[in-house]
Protein backbone atom coordinates (compact mmCIF):
# COMPACT_ATOMS: atom_id res chain seq x y z
CA MET A 1 152.65 -51.01 -22.87
CA ASN A 2 156.52 -50.75 -22.70
CA PRO A 3 157.64 -50.51 -19.22
CA GLN A 4 160.01 -47.43 -19.71
CA GLN A 5 156.97 -45.44 -21.10
CA LYS A 6 156.83 -42.01 -19.93
CA ILE A 7 154.18 -40.08 -18.62
CA GLN A 8 154.63 -36.53 -19.37
CA ASN A 9 152.75 -33.43 -20.55
CA PRO A 10 153.87 -31.21 -23.27
CA GLU A 11 157.10 -29.60 -22.30
CA THR A 12 156.57 -25.33 -21.96
CA GLN A 13 159.57 -24.22 -23.37
CA VAL A 14 161.89 -21.96 -21.26
CA PRO A 15 164.90 -19.73 -22.52
CA LYS A 16 168.34 -21.83 -22.31
CA THR A 17 170.54 -19.10 -21.28
CA PRO A 18 173.30 -19.06 -18.36
CA GLN A 19 170.21 -17.37 -16.07
CA MET A 20 168.14 -19.46 -14.18
CA ASN A 21 164.36 -19.48 -15.69
CA ASP A 22 161.46 -20.34 -14.25
CA ARG A 23 161.71 -23.91 -14.98
CA ASP A 24 165.16 -23.55 -12.69
CA PHE A 25 163.35 -21.60 -9.94
CA ILE A 26 160.24 -24.07 -9.51
CA ASN A 27 162.48 -27.07 -9.46
CA ASP A 28 164.48 -25.25 -6.38
CA LEU A 29 161.57 -24.31 -4.96
CA LEU A 30 160.47 -28.00 -4.94
CA ALA A 31 164.03 -29.42 -3.84
CA THR A 32 163.41 -27.08 -0.94
CA GLU A 33 160.20 -28.00 -0.21
CA LYS A 34 161.03 -31.55 -0.14
CA TYR A 35 163.90 -31.11 1.83
CA MET A 36 161.87 -29.14 4.42
CA THR A 37 159.28 -31.53 4.69
CA THR A 38 161.76 -34.31 5.61
CA SER A 39 163.20 -32.11 8.37
CA TYR A 40 160.08 -31.58 9.78
CA SER A 41 159.29 -34.88 9.96
CA MET A 42 162.09 -35.58 11.48
CA ALA A 43 161.19 -33.07 14.08
CA LEU A 44 157.79 -34.52 14.58
CA HIS A 45 159.43 -37.56 15.37
CA GLU A 46 161.63 -36.04 18.68
CA ALA A 47 158.73 -33.53 19.31
CA SER A 48 158.15 -34.27 23.14
CA HIS A 49 155.89 -31.29 23.95
CA GLU A 50 152.73 -31.27 22.50
CA GLY A 51 151.93 -27.54 22.03
CA LEU A 52 155.86 -27.70 19.72
CA TYR A 53 154.61 -30.88 18.06
CA GLN A 54 151.07 -29.26 16.93
CA ASP A 55 153.22 -25.96 15.71
CA ILE A 56 155.66 -28.41 13.53
CA MET A 57 152.54 -30.34 11.87
CA LYS A 58 150.91 -27.18 11.10
CA ILE A 59 154.24 -25.81 9.29
CA PHE A 60 154.58 -29.51 7.99
CA SER A 61 151.16 -29.60 6.29
CA GLU A 62 151.53 -26.12 5.21
CA THR A 63 155.04 -27.29 3.57
CA GLN A 64 153.79 -30.75 2.19
CA ASN A 65 150.87 -28.89 0.37
CA CYS A 66 153.27 -26.34 -1.03
CA GLN A 67 155.57 -29.08 -2.23
CA ARG A 68 152.32 -30.77 -3.65
CA GLU A 69 151.39 -27.44 -5.52
CA LEU A 70 155.29 -27.10 -7.15
CA TYR A 71 154.99 -30.86 -8.23
CA ASN A 72 151.56 -30.44 -10.11
CA LEU A 73 152.61 -27.29 -11.55
CA MET A 74 156.07 -29.15 -13.16
CA PHE A 75 153.88 -31.75 -14.31
CA LYS A 76 151.42 -29.34 -15.96
CA LYS A 77 153.81 -27.84 -17.88
CA GLY A 78 155.61 -31.07 -18.72
CA TRP A 79 158.53 -30.57 -16.56
CA TYR A 80 158.44 -33.26 -14.59
CA ALA A 81 157.69 -36.82 -15.96
CA ILE A 82 156.95 -40.07 -14.27
CA GLU A 83 157.05 -43.74 -15.62
CA ALA A 84 154.49 -45.74 -16.34
CA ALA A 85 154.36 -48.95 -13.80
CA ASP A 86 155.04 -52.50 -14.87
CA GLN A 87 151.90 -54.44 -14.10
CA GLN A 88 153.94 -57.65 -13.48
CA LYS A 89 156.53 -55.68 -11.27
CA LEU A 90 153.45 -54.47 -9.33
CA GLN A 91 151.62 -57.98 -9.06
CA GLN A 92 155.29 -59.12 -7.61
CA SER A 93 155.42 -56.15 -5.25
CA TYR A 94 151.79 -56.83 -4.29
CA GLN A 95 152.60 -60.43 -3.72
CA GLN A 96 155.62 -59.61 -1.71
CA PHE A 97 154.25 -57.88 0.65
CA GLN A 98 151.20 -59.82 1.05
CA GLY A 99 153.50 -62.79 2.16
CA TYR A 100 154.69 -60.42 4.53
CA THR A 101 151.30 -59.64 6.67
CA ASN A 102 151.59 -63.15 7.15
CA GLN A 103 154.44 -62.75 9.41
CA LEU A 104 152.92 -60.30 11.75
CA PRO A 105 151.74 -61.34 15.21
CA THR A 106 148.18 -60.91 14.74
CA GLY A 107 148.60 -63.71 11.71
CA GLY A 108 148.01 -61.73 8.89
CA THR A 109 144.60 -59.31 9.69
CA LEU A 110 145.37 -55.86 10.83
CA GLN A 111 143.31 -54.45 13.51
């Protein structure tokens, strides 16, 4: 299999005009949700008050779920493509990170 092979559904056509179309709107929403989840994640790292942490965690989860639904919709409509993973590169990465576990203080065993 070609390592550059794209995995994509047939693309749902949208009007090619200067005005924003459905694909543009959903793409903009997806980018906003990604930005928001990153920001909420940073806020979670800094929250010292448990109640605030729980509130942010709830909002983070809702935002992350919305982001995933938008991604799924774009993928379903063929507006978002992913590249097939190269098996050799996967094996190399696995071996590289396997070597890192041996450097852990626990001797490579996870507790």
